[in-house]
Amino acid sequence: MTRPDPLRNFRFYLEIDGLSQAGFSEVTIGDLSNDPIEYREGDEIPTVRKLNGLVKYANVTCKWGITDSMELADWHQEVAQGATPLESIRKTVVIHIRDEAGQDRAAFEITRAWPCKYDPTDLNGTGNEVAIDTLELCNEGIRRIA
């Protein structure tokens, strides 16, 4: 029986509802956490029970080389201008991870995502780096779907 090799962290792409720009140089998926609630009744042994509390999903940060595409900047601008209804700006984002042969092997789904921070590139007349924009996505759920 052959052992499956771990996937590499540099072979990925994003699908964003209705947005064709999906090539990113870096994506950071934040932490997923459950806050415990400590509970104890007076007649129990002196050990605290721990119950599930609030579930928190950290923001997802996406970085990409700036091009002539305005789709992601426009998405953030819709939010900044107070788009209503809010549902119109929330999107489902799927991060696909590929194996060495280019086949999709793992995926994370980010639900009800919307851009809460847009950081345009810094410019430097003596630099030679690629111009990188950063978009931070708030969300209401992150789960592994494949």
Foldseek 3Di string as FASTA:
>chain_A
DDDDDDFDPQAKWKDKVPDPPIDFRDKDFDDKDWDWDWDDDPVDDPDTDTDTHDIDGAKMKTKHFDDPDCVQVVLQVCVVVPPPPLQVSFIKMKMFTAHPVRDTDWIKIFGRKGWPDKAFFDDDPPDDDGGMIMTIIDGDDIDIDD
